[in-house]
């Protein structure tokens, strides 16, 4: 099975990046790439973050393709309350 890739716009603690992800992977897999690409990964684990769309937290275990994000979607990745921030 080949990996289907897509690019998703993210904002991590106010820093924008476009990250390429495997659409068959769980949403949580976007966190390490996005935090690394925005230089926000120091001192935090992926579990310290949450991913939101329109202010609502998303299920990190759901596959990226299951969300069917339309073009122009921006995901916001912020530290969870009590996430060391």
Protein backbone atom coordinates (compact mmCIF):
# COMPACT_ATOMS: atom_id res chain seq x y z
CA UNK A 1 0.00 0.00 0.00
CA UNK A 2 1.45 3.36 -0.98
CA UNK A 3 1.45 6.33 1.33
CA UNK A 4 -1.00 9.01 0.25
CA UNK A 5 0.40 12.39 1.24
CA UNK A 6 -1.20 15.79 1.64
CA UNK A 7 -0.09 19.20 2.78
CA UNK A 8 -1.91 20.84 5.69
CA UNK A 9 -1.52 24.40 6.92
CA UNK A 10 -0.91 24.60 10.65
CA UNK A 11 -0.29 27.32 13.18
CA UNK A 12 1.74 26.23 16.20
CA UNK A 13 1.75 28.78 19.03
CA UNK A 14 1.24 31.51 16.44
CA UNK A 15 3.88 30.26 13.97
CA UNK A 16 2.59 29.18 10.51
CA UNK A 17 3.87 26.18 8.55
CA UNK A 18 2.69 23.85 5.80
CA UNK A 19 3.37 20.24 6.72
CA UNK A 20 3.20 17.13 4.56
CA UNK A 21 1.52 14.17 6.20
CA UNK A 22 0.33 10.65 5.41
CA UNK A 23 -3.47 10.82 5.14
CA UNK A 24 -3.77 7.24 6.41
CA UNK A 25 -2.05 8.10 9.69
CA UNK A 26 -3.76 9.28 12.88
CA UNK A 27 -4.03 13.05 13.28
CA UNK A 28 -1.59 12.90 16.22
CA UNK A 29 1.24 12.22 13.76
CA UNK A 30 1.03 15.82 12.54
CA UNK A 31 2.21 17.15 15.92
CA UNK A 32 5.92 16.16 15.86
CA UNK A 33 6.34 17.39 12.28
CA UNK A 34 4.49 20.66 12.87
CA UNK A 35 6.23 21.48 16.15
CA UNK A 36 9.63 20.66 14.65
CA UNK A 37 9.02 22.71 11.50
CA UNK A 38 7.97 25.72 13.58
CA UNK A 39 10.79 25.31 16.14
CA UNK A 40 8.25 24.80 18.93
CA UNK A 41 9.24 21.27 19.96
CA UNK A 42 11.82 22.04 22.60
CA UNK A 43 10.87 20.74 26.02
CA UNK A 44 7.47 19.37 24.97
CA UNK A 45 6.22 15.93 24.02
CA UNK A 46 3.45 15.32 21.47
CA UNK A 47 1.08 14.61 24.37
CA UNK A 48 1.51 18.21 25.57
CA UNK A 49 -0.31 19.53 22.48
CA UNK A 50 -3.85 19.58 21.13
CA UNK A 51 -5.03 20.13 17.58
CA UNK A 52 -8.01 22.41 16.99
CA UNK A 53 -10.19 23.43 14.09
CA UNK A 54 -12.47 26.43 14.53
CA UNK A 55 -11.62 26.42 18.24
CA UNK A 56 -12.74 22.81 18.75
CA UNK A 57 -10.29 20.07 19.78
CA UNK A 58 -10.03 17.23 17.28
CA UNK A 59 -9.76 13.50 17.97
CA UNK A 60 -6.05 12.76 17.61
CA UNK A 61 -6.66 9.05 17.02
CA UNK A 62 -8.88 9.62 13.99
CA UNK A 63 -7.18 9.23 10.60
CA UNK A 64 -6.33 12.45 8.79
CA UNK A 65 -8.26 11.30 5.69
CA UNK A 66 -11.40 10.75 7.81
CA UNK A 67 -11.58 14.49 8.47
CA UNK A 68 -11.66 15.33 4.73
CA UNK A 69 -10.25 18.79 5.40
CA UNK A 70 -11.20 21.12 2.54
CA UNK A 71 -8.54 23.20 0.79
CA UNK A 72 -7.60 26.25 2.82
CA UNK A 73 -8.14 24.55 6.18
CA UNK A 74 -5.79 25.74 8.92
CA UNK A 75 -5.27 23.59 12.00
CA UNK A 76 -4.16 25.22 15.24
CA UNK A 77 -1.78 23.31 17.47
CA UNK A 78 -1.44 24.71 20.98
CA UNK A 79 -0.18 23.49 24.30
CA UNK A 80 -2.85 21.84 26.39
CA UNK A 81 -3.76 23.55 29.65
CA UNK A 82 -1.18 22.23 32.08
CA UNK A 83 1.04 21.11 29.16
CA UNK A 84 4.13 22.80 30.52
CA UNK A 85 3.55 26.08 28.74
